[in-house]
């Protein structure tokens, strides 16, 4: 089972993503958070395999919590999912350790494909 944690300040986005992922075999939603502070503590406790992370949230930026998440769970896959797909954000996220950077408005549907990659050989090599 691939364990996924969703972080986004929009409850609608969290629900939409959970609904999309619930149709996938071998994917389990292990939690969600609407803010940066709540997310880091919960992620450290739950220890998911994958985290979807928004950039702009109350209580801190997703940019600020990429490294703490990676430090706590070195092998976790971080998927940035944002309405702010600017090149400077993309580069900063990837430099801080994010594995993927997706535009919510045009690339939301790529998440199942990425999770399939995570389930396959690419993810197995991170174990």
Foldseek 3Di string as FASTA:
>chain_A
DAEEEEEALDPVVVVVLCVVCVPDPPYDHPYYYNADVVVLVVCLVRVGQEYEAEADGPPHGSLVCLQSSCVSHVRHAYEYEYCPQDPVVVVSNVVSPHDYYYYNVPCSVCVVVVVVVCVDDVVVVSD
